[in-house]
N, C-alpha and C. Protein backbone atom coordinates (compact mmCIF):
# COMPACT_ATOMS: atom_id res chain seq x y z
N LEU A 1 168.85 58.17 102.66
CA LEU A 1 169.40 57.64 103.90
C LEU A 1 169.16 56.13 103.91
N ASN A 2 170.23 55.38 104.10
CA ASN A 2 170.12 53.93 104.21
C ASN A 2 170.16 53.53 105.67
N SER A 3 169.22 52.69 106.07
CA SER A 3 169.14 52.29 107.48
C SER A 3 170.06 51.13 107.83
N ASN A 4 170.30 50.24 106.87
CA ASN A 4 171.19 49.10 107.09
C ASN A 4 170.84 48.29 108.33
N TYR A 5 169.57 47.86 108.42
CA TYR A 5 169.12 47.01 109.52
C TYR A 5 169.89 45.71 109.50
N HIS A 6 170.28 45.21 110.66
CA HIS A 6 170.97 43.93 110.75
C HIS A 6 170.89 43.37 112.18
N HIS A 7 171.32 42.14 112.34
CA HIS A 7 171.43 41.45 113.62
C HIS A 7 170.10 41.42 114.38
N TRP A 8 169.05 40.92 113.75
CA TRP A 8 167.76 40.77 114.39
C TRP A 8 167.84 39.58 115.36
N ARG A 9 167.29 39.75 116.58
CA ARG A 9 167.32 38.67 117.56
C ARG A 9 166.19 38.82 118.57
N VAL A 10 165.65 37.70 118.97
CA VAL A 10 164.62 37.69 120.02
C VAL A 10 165.34 37.72 121.36
N CYS A 11 164.87 38.55 122.27
CA CYS A 11 165.48 38.67 123.59
C CYS A 11 165.30 37.34 124.35
N PRO A 12 166.40 36.77 124.86
CA PRO A 12 166.27 35.51 125.57
C PRO A 12 165.60 35.66 126.94
N PHE A 13 165.43 36.88 127.43
CA PHE A 13 164.83 37.10 128.73
C PHE A 13 163.39 37.61 128.64
N ASP A 14 163.00 38.08 127.48
CA ASP A 14 161.62 38.58 127.25
C ASP A 14 161.24 38.18 125.83
N ARG A 15 160.53 37.09 125.68
CA ARG A 15 160.20 36.54 124.36
C ARG A 15 159.32 37.47 123.53
N ASN A 16 158.77 38.50 124.13
CA ASN A 16 157.93 39.47 123.40
C ASN A 16 158.75 40.65 122.90
N ARG A 17 160.06 40.59 123.06
CA ARG A 17 160.90 41.72 122.64
C ARG A 17 161.90 41.26 121.59
N VAL A 18 162.03 42.06 120.55
CA VAL A 18 162.98 41.79 119.46
C VAL A 18 163.97 42.94 119.41
N TYR A 19 165.24 42.58 119.43
CA TYR A 19 166.30 43.59 119.28
C TYR A 19 166.85 43.51 117.86
N TYR A 20 167.33 44.65 117.38
CA TYR A 20 168.02 44.69 116.09
C TYR A 20 169.00 45.83 116.10
N SER A 21 169.94 45.79 115.18
CA SER A 21 170.94 46.84 115.07
C SER A 21 170.72 47.61 113.78
N ILE A 22 171.23 48.83 113.74
CA ILE A 22 171.04 49.71 112.60
C ILE A 22 172.25 50.61 112.47
N LYS A 23 172.61 50.95 111.25
CA LYS A 23 173.72 51.89 111.00
C LYS A 23 173.32 52.74 109.81
N TYR A 24 173.00 53.99 110.09
CA TYR A 24 172.59 54.91 109.05
C TYR A 24 173.77 55.37 108.21
N THR A 25 173.60 55.38 106.89
CA THR A 25 174.58 55.98 105.99
C THR A 25 173.83 56.76 104.93
N GLY A 26 174.43 57.83 104.43
CA GLY A 26 173.80 58.61 103.38
C GLY A 26 174.36 60.02 103.36
N SER A 27 173.56 60.92 102.79
CA SER A 27 173.96 62.32 102.76
C SER A 27 172.72 63.20 102.74
N ASN A 28 172.89 64.45 103.14
CA ASN A 28 171.81 65.41 103.17
C ASN A 28 171.73 66.11 101.82
N ASP A 29 170.87 65.58 100.96
CA ASP A 29 170.76 66.09 99.58
C ASP A 29 169.54 66.98 99.35
N GLY A 30 168.77 67.23 100.38
CA GLY A 30 167.57 68.05 100.22
C GLY A 30 167.33 68.86 101.48
N PRO A 31 166.38 69.81 101.40
CA PRO A 31 166.09 70.65 102.55
C PRO A 31 165.59 69.84 103.76
N VAL A 32 165.90 70.32 104.94
CA VAL A 32 165.45 69.68 106.18
C VAL A 32 164.78 70.72 107.05
N MET A 33 163.51 70.53 107.30
CA MET A 33 162.74 71.45 108.15
C MET A 33 162.93 72.90 107.73
N GLY A 34 162.85 73.16 106.44
CA GLY A 34 162.97 74.51 105.92
C GLY A 34 164.38 75.03 105.78
N ARG A 35 165.36 74.23 106.14
CA ARG A 35 166.76 74.65 106.00
C ARG A 35 167.35 73.99 104.78
N PRO A 36 168.30 74.66 104.11
CA PRO A 36 168.85 74.11 102.86
C PRO A 36 169.70 72.86 103.07
N ALA A 37 169.82 72.09 101.99
CA ALA A 37 170.67 70.90 102.01
C ALA A 37 172.11 71.31 102.27
N THR A 38 172.83 70.46 103.03
CA THR A 38 174.23 70.73 103.32
C THR A 38 175.16 69.84 102.47
N TYR A 39 174.60 68.81 101.89
CA TYR A 39 175.35 67.83 101.08
C TYR A 39 176.44 67.13 101.89
N LYS A 40 176.30 67.14 103.21
CA LYS A 40 177.26 66.44 104.08
C LYS A 40 176.86 64.97 104.19
N SER A 41 177.88 64.13 104.34
CA SER A 41 177.61 62.70 104.48
C SER A 41 177.24 62.38 105.93
N ILE A 42 176.54 61.26 106.07
CA ILE A 42 176.13 60.77 107.38
C ILE A 42 176.60 59.34 107.52
N GLU A 43 177.28 59.06 108.63
CA GLU A 43 177.63 57.68 108.98
C GLU A 43 177.45 57.57 110.47
N SER A 44 176.36 56.95 110.88
CA SER A 44 176.09 56.83 112.31
C SER A 44 176.87 55.66 112.89
N PRO A 45 177.07 55.66 114.21
CA PRO A 45 177.58 54.45 114.85
C PRO A 45 176.48 53.40 114.81
N VAL A 46 176.83 52.15 114.99
CA VAL A 46 175.82 51.11 115.10
C VAL A 46 175.00 51.41 116.36
N GLN A 47 173.68 51.26 116.22
CA GLN A 47 172.77 51.54 117.31
C GLN A 47 171.88 50.33 117.57
N ALA A 48 171.55 50.11 118.83
CA ALA A 48 170.61 49.06 119.20
C ALA A 48 169.21 49.64 119.28
N HIS A 49 168.26 48.93 118.69
CA HIS A 49 166.85 49.29 118.75
C HIS A 49 166.09 48.08 119.25
N SER A 50 164.86 48.29 119.71
CA SER A 50 164.03 47.15 120.09
C SER A 50 162.56 47.46 119.86
N ILE A 51 161.81 46.37 119.71
CA ILE A 51 160.36 46.45 119.60
C ILE A 51 159.79 45.43 120.57
N THR A 52 158.85 45.86 121.42
CA THR A 52 158.18 44.96 122.36
C THR A 52 156.73 44.81 121.92
N PHE A 53 156.24 43.57 121.96
CA PHE A 53 154.89 43.24 121.53
C PHE A 53 154.07 42.71 122.71
N ASN A 54 152.75 42.90 122.65
CA ASN A 54 151.88 42.28 123.65
C ASN A 54 151.43 40.91 123.11
N GLU A 55 150.56 40.23 123.87
CA GLU A 55 150.12 38.89 123.50
C GLU A 55 149.35 38.86 122.17
N ARG A 56 148.77 39.99 121.76
CA ARG A 56 148.03 40.06 120.49
C ARG A 56 148.93 40.43 119.31
N GLY A 57 150.25 40.59 119.58
CA GLY A 57 151.17 40.93 118.51
C GLY A 57 151.24 42.42 118.21
N GLU A 58 150.65 43.25 119.07
CA GLU A 58 150.67 44.69 118.87
C GLU A 58 151.91 45.28 119.51
N VAL A 59 152.46 46.30 118.89
CA VAL A 59 153.64 46.97 119.44
C VAL A 59 153.24 47.79 120.65
N THR A 60 153.95 47.55 121.78
CA THR A 60 153.69 48.30 123.00
C THR A 60 154.84 49.22 123.37
N LYS A 61 156.01 48.97 122.80
CA LYS A 61 157.19 49.79 123.12
C LYS A 61 158.15 49.73 121.94
N PHE A 62 158.75 50.87 121.66
CA PHE A 62 159.71 50.97 120.56
C PHE A 62 160.87 51.79 121.07
N THR A 63 162.07 51.23 121.13
CA THR A 63 163.24 51.98 121.60
C THR A 63 164.21 52.17 120.44
N ILE A 64 164.87 53.33 120.41
CA ILE A 64 165.79 53.61 119.30
C ILE A 64 167.00 54.36 119.81
N GLY A 65 168.07 54.31 119.02
CA GLY A 65 169.20 55.21 119.20
C GLY A 65 170.19 54.91 120.30
N TYR A 66 170.25 53.67 120.79
CA TYR A 66 171.23 53.34 121.82
C TYR A 66 172.55 52.99 121.15
N VAL A 67 173.48 53.94 121.18
CA VAL A 67 174.75 53.82 120.47
C VAL A 67 175.64 52.76 121.12
N LEU A 68 176.24 51.90 120.28
CA LEU A 68 177.11 50.84 120.78
C LEU A 68 178.56 51.28 120.89
N ASP A 69 179.03 52.17 120.05
CA ASP A 69 180.40 52.66 120.12
C ASP A 69 180.43 54.12 119.72
N LYS A 70 180.52 55.01 120.70
CA LYS A 70 180.47 56.46 120.47
C LYS A 70 181.62 56.99 119.63
N GLU A 71 182.69 56.19 119.49
CA GLU A 71 183.88 56.67 118.76
C GLU A 71 183.82 56.40 117.27
N THR A 72 182.73 55.85 116.77
CA THR A 72 182.61 55.57 115.33
C THR A 72 181.60 56.51 114.70
N GLY A 73 181.70 56.65 113.38
CA GLY A 73 180.77 57.51 112.65
C GLY A 73 181.12 58.97 112.77
N ASN A 74 180.21 59.81 112.23
CA ASN A 74 180.44 61.27 112.27
C ASN A 74 179.27 62.01 112.92
N THR A 75 178.62 61.35 113.90
CA THR A 75 177.48 61.95 114.58
C THR A 75 177.82 62.46 115.97
N GLY A 76 179.11 62.57 116.28
CA GLY A 76 179.50 63.04 117.60
C GLY A 76 179.15 62.08 118.70
N GLY A 77 178.99 60.81 118.35
CA GLY A 77 178.62 59.81 119.36
C GLY A 77 177.14 59.78 119.67
N LEU A 78 176.37 60.55 118.92
CA LEU A 78 174.92 60.65 119.17
C LEU A 78 174.17 59.62 118.34
N GLY A 79 173.07 59.14 118.87
CA GLY A 79 172.21 58.20 118.14
C GLY A 79 170.90 58.86 117.75
N GLY A 80 170.11 58.11 116.99
CA GLY A 80 168.80 58.58 116.58
C GLY A 80 168.88 59.85 115.77
N VAL A 81 167.81 60.62 115.83
CA VAL A 81 167.71 61.85 115.03
C VAL A 81 168.72 62.89 115.51
N PHE A 82 169.10 62.85 116.80
CA PHE A 82 170.08 63.81 117.30
C PHE A 82 171.38 63.69 116.51
N GLY A 83 171.83 62.46 116.28
CA GLY A 83 173.05 62.21 115.52
C GLY A 83 172.94 62.61 114.06
N LEU A 84 171.78 62.34 113.47
CA LEU A 84 171.58 62.70 112.07
C LEU A 84 171.67 64.22 111.86
N PHE A 85 171.00 64.97 112.73
CA PHE A 85 171.06 66.43 112.64
C PHE A 85 172.49 66.94 112.87
N TYR A 86 173.18 66.35 113.86
CA TYR A 86 174.55 66.78 114.14
C TYR A 86 175.45 66.54 112.93
N ALA A 87 175.32 65.38 112.30
CA ALA A 87 176.20 65.03 111.16
C ALA A 87 176.05 65.98 109.99
N ILE A 88 174.86 66.52 109.80
CA ILE A 88 174.67 67.42 108.64
C ILE A 88 174.88 68.88 109.00
N GLY A 89 175.30 69.13 110.25
CA GLY A 89 175.61 70.50 110.64
C GLY A 89 174.45 71.25 111.26
N TYR A 90 173.34 70.55 111.56
CA TYR A 90 172.19 71.19 112.17
C TYR A 90 171.93 70.61 113.56
N GLY A 91 172.97 70.56 114.39
CA GLY A 91 172.81 70.03 115.74
C GLY A 91 171.73 70.77 116.49
N LEU A 92 171.03 70.04 117.34
CA LEU A 92 169.93 70.63 118.09
C LEU A 92 170.45 71.31 119.36
N PRO A 93 169.77 72.39 119.82
CA PRO A 93 170.31 73.28 120.86
C PRO A 93 170.02 72.89 122.31
N PHE A 94 170.05 71.61 122.67
CA PHE A 94 169.86 71.24 124.07
C PHE A 94 170.88 70.17 124.44
N PRO A 95 171.19 70.02 125.73
CA PRO A 95 172.31 69.18 126.16
C PRO A 95 172.29 67.74 125.66
N GLU A 96 171.13 67.10 125.62
CA GLU A 96 171.05 65.70 125.18
C GLU A 96 171.42 65.52 123.72
N ALA A 97 171.36 66.60 122.94
CA ALA A 97 171.66 66.54 121.51
C ALA A 97 173.05 67.05 121.18
N GLN A 98 173.89 67.18 122.19
CA GLN A 98 175.26 67.62 121.98
C GLN A 98 176.18 66.42 121.93
N PRO A 99 177.31 66.52 121.24
CA PRO A 99 178.23 65.39 121.13
C PRO A 99 178.73 64.93 122.49
N TYR A 100 178.99 63.63 122.54
CA TYR A 100 179.51 63.02 123.77
C TYR A 100 180.92 63.55 124.06
N LYS A 101 181.16 63.91 125.29
CA LYS A 101 182.49 64.31 125.75
C LYS A 101 182.75 63.58 127.05
N SER A 102 183.85 62.83 127.09
CA SER A 102 184.17 62.11 128.31
C SER A 102 184.73 63.06 129.36
N SER A 103 184.60 62.64 130.61
CA SER A 103 185.18 63.42 131.70
C SER A 103 186.71 63.32 131.64
N PHE A 104 187.38 64.19 132.36
CA PHE A 104 188.84 64.19 132.40
C PHE A 104 189.36 62.83 132.86
N ILE A 105 188.78 62.30 133.94
CA ILE A 105 189.25 61.02 134.49
C ILE A 105 188.98 59.89 133.51
N TYR A 106 187.75 59.80 133.00
CA TYR A 106 187.41 58.71 132.09
C TYR A 106 188.23 58.81 130.80
N GLY A 107 188.39 60.00 130.28
CA GLY A 107 189.16 60.19 129.05
C GLY A 107 190.60 59.73 129.21
N ASN A 108 191.21 60.06 130.34
CA ASN A 108 192.59 59.62 130.58
C ASN A 108 192.67 58.11 130.81
N ALA A 109 191.67 57.55 131.48
CA ALA A 109 191.65 56.10 131.68
C ALA A 109 191.56 55.38 130.32
N MET A 110 190.78 55.92 129.41
CA MET A 110 190.65 55.31 128.08
C MET A 110 191.95 55.45 127.29
N LYS A 111 192.63 56.58 127.41
CA LYS A 111 193.93 56.76 126.75
C LYS A 111 194.94 55.75 127.30
N PHE A 112 194.96 55.58 128.63
CA PHE A 112 195.85 54.60 129.25
C PHE A 112 195.54 53.20 128.71
N ASN A 113 194.26 52.86 128.63
CA ASN A 113 193.86 51.55 128.12
C ASN A 113 194.33 51.36 126.67
N ARG A 114 194.17 52.39 125.82
CA ARG A 114 194.61 52.27 124.44
C ARG A 114 196.13 52.07 124.35
N ASN A 115 196.86 52.77 125.22
CA ASN A 115 198.32 52.61 125.24
C ASN A 115 198.71 51.19 125.66
N ILE A 116 198.07 50.68 126.68
CA ILE A 116 198.35 49.29 127.12
C ILE A 116 198.04 48.31 126.00
N GLN A 117 196.91 48.51 125.32
CA GLN A 117 196.53 47.60 124.22
C GLN A 117 197.57 47.66 123.09
N SER A 118 198.08 48.87 122.81
CA SER A 118 199.13 49.00 121.77
C SER A 118 200.39 48.25 122.16
N ILE A 119 200.77 48.35 123.44
CA ILE A 119 201.96 47.64 123.91
C ILE A 119 201.74 46.13 123.80
N PHE A 120 200.56 45.66 124.18
CA PHE A 120 200.26 44.22 124.08
C PHE A 120 200.33 43.74 122.63
N LYS A 121 199.79 44.54 121.72
CA LYS A 121 199.78 44.15 120.30
C LYS A 121 201.19 44.08 119.73
N SER A 122 202.02 45.02 120.15
CA SER A 122 203.38 45.05 119.59
C SER A 122 204.33 44.09 120.31
N ASN A 123 203.95 43.60 121.47
CA ASN A 123 204.83 42.71 122.23
C ASN A 123 204.00 41.59 122.90
N PRO A 124 203.66 40.55 122.15
CA PRO A 124 202.84 39.46 122.69
C PRO A 124 203.47 38.76 123.90
N ASP A 125 204.80 38.68 123.95
CA ASP A 125 205.46 38.05 125.11
C ASP A 125 205.19 38.83 126.39
N PHE A 126 205.25 40.15 126.29
CA PHE A 126 204.94 40.99 127.45
C PHE A 126 203.49 40.78 127.89
N LYS A 127 202.59 40.71 126.91
CA LYS A 127 201.16 40.49 127.22
C LYS A 127 201.00 39.16 127.96
N ASN A 128 201.63 38.10 127.47
CA ASN A 128 201.50 36.79 128.10
C ASN A 128 202.05 36.81 129.53
N ALA A 129 203.20 37.44 129.73
CA ALA A 129 203.79 37.52 131.07
C ALA A 129 202.90 38.33 132.00
N PHE A 130 202.36 39.45 131.50
CA PHE A 130 201.47 40.29 132.30
C PHE A 130 200.23 39.51 132.73
N GLN A 131 199.62 38.78 131.79
CA GLN A 131 198.42 38.01 132.11
C GLN A 131 198.74 36.89 133.10
N LYS A 132 199.90 36.28 132.97
CA LYS A 132 200.28 35.22 133.90
C LYS A 132 200.40 35.76 135.32
N VAL A 133 201.05 36.90 135.47
CA VAL A 133 201.22 37.51 136.80
C VAL A 133 199.88 37.94 137.37
N THR A 134 199.05 38.60 136.58
CA THR A 134 197.79 39.12 137.11
C THR A 134 196.81 38.00 137.44
N THR A 135 196.86 36.87 136.76
CA THR A 135 195.95 35.78 137.10
C THR A 135 196.44 35.02 138.33
N MET A 136 197.72 35.13 138.67
CA MET A 136 198.23 34.49 139.88
C MET A 136 197.88 35.30 141.13
N ILE A 137 197.70 36.59 140.99
CA ILE A 137 197.40 37.45 142.14
C ILE A 137 196.02 37.08 142.67
N GLY A 138 195.97 36.77 143.92
CA GLY A 138 194.71 36.41 144.55
C GLY A 138 194.24 35.00 144.26
N GLY A 139 195.05 34.22 143.58
CA GLY A 139 194.68 32.85 143.25
C GLY A 139 194.78 31.95 144.49
N LYS A 140 194.11 30.82 144.40
CA LYS A 140 194.14 29.85 145.50
C LYS A 140 195.47 29.14 145.54
N LYS A 141 195.94 28.91 146.76
CA LYS A 141 197.14 28.14 146.94
C LYS A 141 196.74 26.70 147.18
N GLU A 142 197.40 25.81 146.49
CA GLU A 142 197.00 24.40 146.59
C GLU A 142 197.85 23.67 147.60
């Protein structure tokens, strides 16, 4: 399993906290918790992690698995170990470890948004006209 750590940065609001990103890639080539290898590949979405330190430089908090884009990878939108188990076919049996599913309303709103973006990409003149009209709505009159 490759962790692919990247984008290390000190938090501008808490100098004792460091954020970094991670994207797991690999495959299940050996037994896991007594279960046989599945030989399935793993590609997680990029996840945000952080480490918080005290004044002595000791770790006081470690956060993992905050998925940045649920629609990427093959972990069902799950981060951390939940996503790794899901990707190899050994999903865990509780709600937090189940793949992300959007609500009916949110799912349709996202489909509408993707359709609008496709129209904008295929017709830049329409996009420019739309933006011009929407920025005039509610604008100040001089």
